[in-house]
Amino acid sequence: MVKVKVDADTCIGCGLCISTLPDVFQFGDDGKSVVIADADEAQADEVIASCPVAAISKE
């Protein structure tokens, strides 16, 4: 498992990461994604590559 993080300043709240990995991401009170759990390596790489504004990274 790997820790992922969301840059709240960059996130636009599109929800792609949430729809891809609902067990890892959810919407925060500000309408942007927040991390709620670790992801496996392959899932982390997939969601990082799919973020349209590159707001997700591994810790």
PDB file of N, CA and C in Angstrom:
ATOM      1  N   MET A   1       0.846  -1.179   0.000  1.00  0.00           N
ATOM      2  CA  MET A   1       0.000   0.000   0.000  1.00  0.00           C
ATOM      3  C   MET A   1       0.894   1.246   0.000  1.00  0.00           C
ATOM      4  N   VAL A   2       0.356   2.282  -0.595  1.00  0.00           N
ATOM      5  CA  VAL A   2       1.095   3.534  -0.709  1.00  0.00           C
ATOM      6  C   VAL A   2       0.194   4.690  -0.287  1.00  0.00           C
ATOM      7  N   LYS A   3       0.788   5.688   0.338  1.00  0.00           N
ATOM      8  CA  LYS A   3       0.035   6.874   0.737  1.00  0.00           C
ATOM      9  C   LYS A   3      -0.030   7.825  -0.452  1.00  0.00           C
ATOM     10  N   VAL A   4      -1.208   8.339  -0.700  1.00  0.00           N
ATOM     11  CA  VAL A   4      -1.378   9.346  -1.739  1.00  0.00           C
ATOM     12  C   VAL A   4      -1.859  10.630  -1.070  1.00  0.00           C
ATOM     13  N   LYS A   5      -1.631  11.744  -1.744  1.00  0.00           N
ATOM     14  CA  LYS A   5      -2.096  13.015  -1.195  1.00  0.00           C
ATOM     15  C   LYS A   5      -2.675  13.856  -2.317  1.00  0.00           C
ATOM     16  N   VAL A   6      -3.559  14.770  -1.931  1.00  0.00           N
ATOM     17  CA  VAL A   6      -4.204  15.680  -2.867  1.00  0.00           C
ATOM     18  C   VAL A   6      -3.768  17.099  -2.520  1.00  0.00           C
ATOM     19  N   ASP A   7      -3.293  17.823  -3.503  1.00  0.00           N
ATOM     20  CA  ASP A   7      -2.965  19.237  -3.326  1.00  0.00           C
ATOM     21  C   ASP A   7      -4.270  20.022  -3.447  1.00  0.00           C
ATOM     22  N   ALA A   8      -4.793  20.477  -2.313  1.00  0.00           N
ATOM     23  CA  ALA A   8      -6.096  21.154  -2.286  1.00  0.00           C
ATOM     24  C   ALA A   8      -6.096  22.452  -3.085  1.00  0.00           C
ATOM     25  N   ASP A   9      -4.944  23.093  -3.197  1.00  0.00           N
ATOM     26  CA  ASP A   9      -4.872  24.330  -3.974  1.00  0.00           C
ATOM     27  C   ASP A   9      -5.006  24.067  -5.471  1.00  0.00           C
ATOM     28  N   THR A  10      -4.604  22.882  -5.900  1.00  0.00           N
ATOM     29  CA  THR A  10      -4.647  22.522  -7.315  1.00  0.00           C
ATOM     30  C   THR A  10      -5.934  21.799  -7.695  1.00  0.00           C
ATOM     31  N   CYS A  11      -6.483  21.014  -6.784  1.00  0.00           N
ATOM     32  CA  CYS A  11      -7.686  20.218  -7.044  1.00  0.00           C
ATOM     33  C   CYS A  11      -8.852  21.106  -7.483  1.00  0.00           C
ATOM     34  N   ILE A  12      -9.554  20.648  -8.529  1.00  0.00           N
ATOM     35  CA  ILE A  12     -10.729  21.380  -9.030  1.00  0.00           C
ATOM     36  C   ILE A  12     -12.036  20.692  -8.657  1.00  0.00           C
ATOM     37  N   GLY A  13     -11.945  19.573  -7.930  1.00  0.00           N
ATOM     38  CA  GLY A  13     -13.148  18.883  -7.468  1.00  0.00           C
ATOM     39  C   GLY A  13     -13.924  18.171  -8.562  1.00  0.00           C
ATOM     40  N   CYS A  14     -13.231  17.706  -9.593  1.00  0.00           N
ATOM     41  CA  CYS A  14     -13.927  17.042 -10.704  1.00  0.00           C
ATOM     42  C   CYS A  14     -14.510  15.687 -10.307  1.00  0.00           C
ATOM     43  N   GLY A  15     -13.916  15.035  -9.297  1.00  0.00           N
ATOM     44  CA  GLY A  15     -14.437  13.769  -8.805  1.00  0.00           C
ATOM     45  C   GLY A  15     -13.951  12.534  -9.518  1.00  0.00           C
ATOM     46  N   LEU A  16     -13.046  12.679 -10.472  1.00  0.00           N
ATOM     47  CA  LEU A  16     -12.551  11.508 -11.202  1.00  0.00           C
ATOM     48  C   LEU A  16     -11.859  10.521 -10.270  1.00  0.00           C
ATOM     49  N   CYS A  17     -11.060  11.025  -9.358  1.00  0.00           N
ATOM     50  CA  CYS A  17     -10.371  10.125  -8.425  1.00  0.00           C
ATOM     51  C   CYS A  17     -11.362   9.409  -7.515  1.00  0.00           C
ATOM     52  N   ILE A  18     -12.420  10.107  -7.133  1.00  0.00           N
ATOM     53  CA  ILE A  18     -13.437   9.521  -6.266  1.00  0.00           C
ATOM     54  C   ILE A  18     -14.199   8.421  -7.001  1.00  0.00           C
ATOM     55  N   SER A  19     -14.534   8.659  -8.260  1.00  0.00           N
ATOM     56  CA  SER A  19     -15.245   7.632  -9.016  1.00  0.00           C
ATOM     57  C   SER A  19     -14.336   6.445  -9.344  1.00  0.00           C
ATOM     58  N   THR A  20     -13.033   6.707  -9.460  1.00  0.00           N
ATOM     59  CA  THR A  20     -12.073   5.636  -9.749  1.00  0.00           C
ATOM     60  C   THR A  20     -11.759   4.816  -8.502  1.00  0.00           C
ATOM     61  N   LEU A  21     -11.539   5.499  -7.380  1.00  0.00           N
ATOM     62  CA  LEU A  21     -11.167   4.823  -6.136  1.00  0.00           C
ATOM     63  C   LEU A  21     -11.994   5.365  -4.960  1.00  0.00           C
ATOM     64  N   PRO A  22     -13.264   4.988  -4.883  1.00  0.00           N
ATOM     65  CA  PRO A  22     -14.122   5.517  -3.817  1.00  0.00           C
ATOM     66  C   PRO A  22     -13.716   5.079  -2.414  1.00  0.00           C
ATOM     67  N   ASP A  23     -12.916   4.031  -2.301  1.00  0.00           N
ATOM     68  CA  ASP A  23     -12.441   3.594  -0.993  1.00  0.00           C
ATOM     69  C   ASP A  23     -11.220   4.389  -0.534  1.00  0.00           C
ATOM     70  N   VAL A  24     -10.657   5.199  -1.429  1.00  0.00           N
ATOM     71  CA  VAL A  24      -9.442   5.960  -1.127  1.00  0.00           C
ATOM     72  C   VAL A  24      -9.715   7.462  -1.041  1.00  0.00           C
ATOM     73  N   PHE A  25     -10.650   7.953  -1.865  1.00  0.00           N
ATOM     74  CA  PHE A  25     -10.944   9.384  -1.921  1.00  0.00           C
ATOM     75  C   PHE A  25     -12.417   9.657  -1.623  1.00  0.00           C
ATOM     76  N   GLN A  26     -12.688  10.829  -1.101  1.00  0.00           N
ATOM     77  CA  GLN A  26     -14.055  11.313  -0.948  1.00  0.00           C
ATOM     78  C   GLN A  26     -14.026  12.832  -1.065  1.00  0.00           C
ATOM     79  N   PHE A  27     -15.203  13.436  -1.231  1.00  0.00           N
ATOM     80  CA  PHE A  27     -15.276  14.887  -1.277  1.00  0.00           C
ATOM     81  C   PHE A  27     -15.171  15.448   0.141  1.00  0.00           C
ATOM     82  N   GLY A  28     -14.380  16.490   0.289  1.00  0.00           N
ATOM     83  CA  GLY A  28     -14.292  17.204   1.557  1.00  0.00           C
ATOM     84  C   GLY A  28     -15.370  18.267   1.629  1.00  0.00           C
ATOM     85  N   ASP A  29     -15.417  18.973   2.718  1.00  0.00           N
ATOM     86  CA  ASP A  29     -16.409  20.022   2.919  1.00  0.00           C
ATOM     87  C   ASP A  29     -16.289  21.140   1.892  1.00  0.00           C
ATOM     88  N   ASP A  30     -15.103  21.310   1.334  1.00  0.00           N
ATOM     89  CA  ASP A  30     -14.873  22.363   0.343  1.00  0.00           C
ATOM     90  C   ASP A  30     -15.172  21.913  -1.086  1.00  0.00           C
ATOM     91  N   GLY A  31     -15.655  20.674  -1.250  1.00  0.00           N
ATOM     92  CA  GLY A  31     -15.975  20.157  -2.578  1.00  0.00           C
ATOM     93  C   GLY A  31     -14.790  19.605  -3.329  1.00  0.00           C
ATOM     94  N   LYS A  32     -13.659  19.526  -2.662  1.00  0.00           N
ATOM     95  CA  LYS A  32     -12.453  18.976  -3.280  1.00  0.00           C
ATOM     96  C   LYS A  32     -12.159  17.606  -2.690  1.00  0.00           C
ATOM     97  N   SER A  33     -11.332  16.847  -3.378  1.00  0.00           N
ATOM     98  CA  SER A  33     -11.019  15.490  -2.941  1.00  0.00           C
ATOM     99  C   SER A  33     -10.117  15.485  -1.722  1.00  0.00           C
ATOM    100  N   VAL A  34     -10.378  14.531  -0.846  1.00  0.00           N
ATOM    101  CA  VAL A  34      -9.513  14.269   0.298  1.00  0.00           C
ATOM    102  C   VAL A  34      -9.234  12.772   0.345  1.00  0.00           C
ATOM    103  N   VAL A  35      -8.078  12.424   0.874  1.00  0.00           N
ATOM    104  CA  VAL A  35      -7.671  11.027   0.976  1.00  0.00           C
ATOM    105  C   VAL A  35      -8.199  10.458   2.288  1.00  0.00           C
ATOM    106  N   ILE A  36      -8.826   9.284   2.196  1.00  0.00           N
ATOM    107  CA  ILE A  36      -9.361   8.632   3.395  1.00  0.00           C
ATOM    108  C   ILE A  36      -8.689   7.291   3.684  1.00  0.00           C
ATOM    109  N   ALA A  37      -7.855   6.809   2.754  1.00  0.00           N
ATOM    110  CA  ALA A  37      -7.182   5.524   2.945  1.00  0.00           C
ATOM    111  C   ALA A  37      -5.988   5.434   2.001  1.00  0.00           C
ATOM    112  N   ASP A  38      -5.138   4.456   2.248  1.00  0.00           N
ATOM    113  CA  ASP A  38      -4.023   4.188   1.347  1.00  0.00           C
ATOM    114  C   ASP A  38      -4.522   3.446   0.113  1.00  0.00           C
ATOM    115  N   ALA A  39      -3.728   3.484  -0.952  1.00  0.00           N
ATOM    116  CA  ALA A  39      -4.068   2.785  -2.195  1.00  0.00           C
ATOM    117  C   ALA A  39      -2.965   1.784  -2.511  1.00  0.00           C
ATOM    118  N   ASP A  40      -3.291   0.778  -3.314  1.00  0.00           N
ATOM    119  CA  ASP A  40      -2.195  -0.079  -3.747  1.00  0.00           C
ATOM    120  C   ASP A  40      -1.424   0.653  -4.849  1.00  0.00           C
ATOM    121  N   GLU A  41      -0.225   0.218  -5.099  1.00  0.00           N
ATOM    122  CA  GLU A  41       0.693   0.929  -5.999  1.00  0.00           C
ATOM    123  C   GLU A  41       0.115   1.146  -7.395  1.00  0.00           C
ATOM    124  N   ALA A  42      -0.477   0.111  -7.969  1.00  0.00           N
ATOM    125  CA  ALA A  42      -1.026   0.221  -9.326  1.00  0.00           C
ATOM    126  C   ALA A  42      -2.195   1.198  -9.364  1.00  0.00           C
ATOM    127  N   GLN A  43      -3.063   1.138  -8.362  1.00  0.00           N
ATOM    128  CA  GLN A  43      -4.196   2.056  -8.299  1.00  0.00           C
ATOM    129  C   GLN A  43      -3.711   3.491  -8.136  1.00  0.00           C
ATOM    130  N   ALA A  44      -2.713   3.697  -7.306  1.00  0.00           N
ATOM    131  CA  ALA A  44      -2.173   5.037  -7.094  1.00  0.00           C
ATOM    132  C   ALA A  44      -1.615   5.594  -8.396  1.00  0.00           C
ATOM    133  N   ASP A  45      -0.856   4.793  -9.114  1.00  0.00           N
ATOM    134  CA  ASP A  45      -0.286   5.247 -10.384  1.00  0.00           C
ATOM    135  C   ASP A  45      -1.385   5.599 -11.383  1.00  0.00           C
ATOM    136  N   GLU A  46      -2.442   4.800 -11.428  1.00  0.00           N
ATOM    137  CA  GLU A  46      -3.546   5.045 -12.356  1.00  0.00           C
ATOM    138  C   GLU A  46      -4.263   6.359 -12.045  1.00  0.00           C
ATOM    139  N   VAL A  47      -4.575   6.576 -10.776  1.00  0.00           N
ATOM    140  CA  VAL A  47      -5.327   7.780 -10.414  1.00  0.00           C
ATOM    141  C   VAL A  47      -4.453   9.029 -10.534  1.00  0.00           C
ATOM    142  N   ILE A  48      -3.172   8.919 -10.261  1.00  0.00           N
ATOM    143  CA  ILE A  48      -2.250  10.048 -10.444  1.00  0.00           C
ATOM    144  C   ILE A  48      -2.204  10.434 -11.913  1.00  0.00           C
ATOM    145  N   ALA A  49      -2.101   9.446 -12.790  1.00  0.00           N
ATOM    146  CA  ALA A  49      -2.026   9.712 -14.231  1.00  0.00           C
ATOM    147  C   ALA A  49      -3.337  10.272 -14.783  1.00  0.00           C
ATOM    148  N   SER A  50      -4.468   9.940 -14.155  1.00  0.00           N
ATOM    149  CA  SER A  50      -5.751  10.363 -14.691  1.00  0.00           C
ATOM    150  C   SER A  50      -6.219  11.728 -14.190  1.00  0.00           C
ATOM    151  N   CYS A  51      -5.596  12.264 -13.153  1.00  0.00           N
ATOM    152  CA  CYS A  51      -6.029  13.559 -12.620  1.00  0.00           C
ATOM    153  C   CYS A  51      -5.767  14.657 -13.652  1.00  0.00           C
ATOM    154  N   PRO A  52      -6.816  15.387 -14.063  1.00  0.00           N
ATOM    155  CA  PRO A  52      -6.645  16.371 -15.149  1.00  0.00           C
ATOM    156  C   PRO A  52      -5.800  17.592 -14.771  1.00  0.00           C
ATOM    157  N   VAL A  53      -5.589  17.822 -13.486  1.00  0.00           N
ATOM    158  CA  VAL A  53      -4.792  18.977 -13.069  1.00  0.00           C
ATOM    159  C   VAL A  53      -3.551  18.567 -12.260  1.00  0.00           C
ATOM    160  N   ALA A  54      -3.233  17.296 -12.251  1.00  0.00           N
ATOM    161  CA  ALA A  54      -2.048  16.761 -11.563  1.00  0.00           C
ATOM    162  C   ALA A  54      -2.019  17.152 -10.082  1.00  0.00           C
ATOM    163  N   ALA A  55      -3.160  17.015  -9.418  1.00  0.00           N
ATOM    164  CA  ALA A  55      -3.260  17.383  -8.007  1.00  0.00           C
ATOM    165  C   ALA A  55      -2.956  16.226  -7.065  1.00  0.00           C
ATOM    166  N   ILE A  56      -2.766  15.018  -7.589  1.00  0.00           N
ATOM    167  CA  ILE A  56      -2.564  13.836  -6.764  1.00  0.00           C
ATOM    168  C   ILE A  56      -1.117  13.365  -6.904  1.00  0.00           C
ATOM    169  N   SER A  57      -0.530  12.993  -5.792  1.00  0.00           N
ATOM    170  CA  SER A  57       0.835  12.468  -5.815  1.00  0.00           C
ATOM    171  C   SER A  57       0.993  11.431  -4.716  1.00  0.00           C
ATOM    172  N   LYS A  58       2.092  10.700  -4.772  1.00  0.00           N
ATOM    173  CA  LYS A  58       2.430   9.731  -3.733  1.00  0.00           C
ATOM    174  C   LYS A  58       3.282  10.423  -2.688  1.00  0.00           C
ATOM    175  N   GLU A  59       3.125   9.995  -1.443  1.00  0.00           N
ATOM    176  CA  GLU A  59       3.968  10.539  -0.372  1.00  0.00           C
ATOM    177  C   GLU A  59       5.225   9.715  -0.255  1.00  0.00           C
TER     178      GLU A  59
END
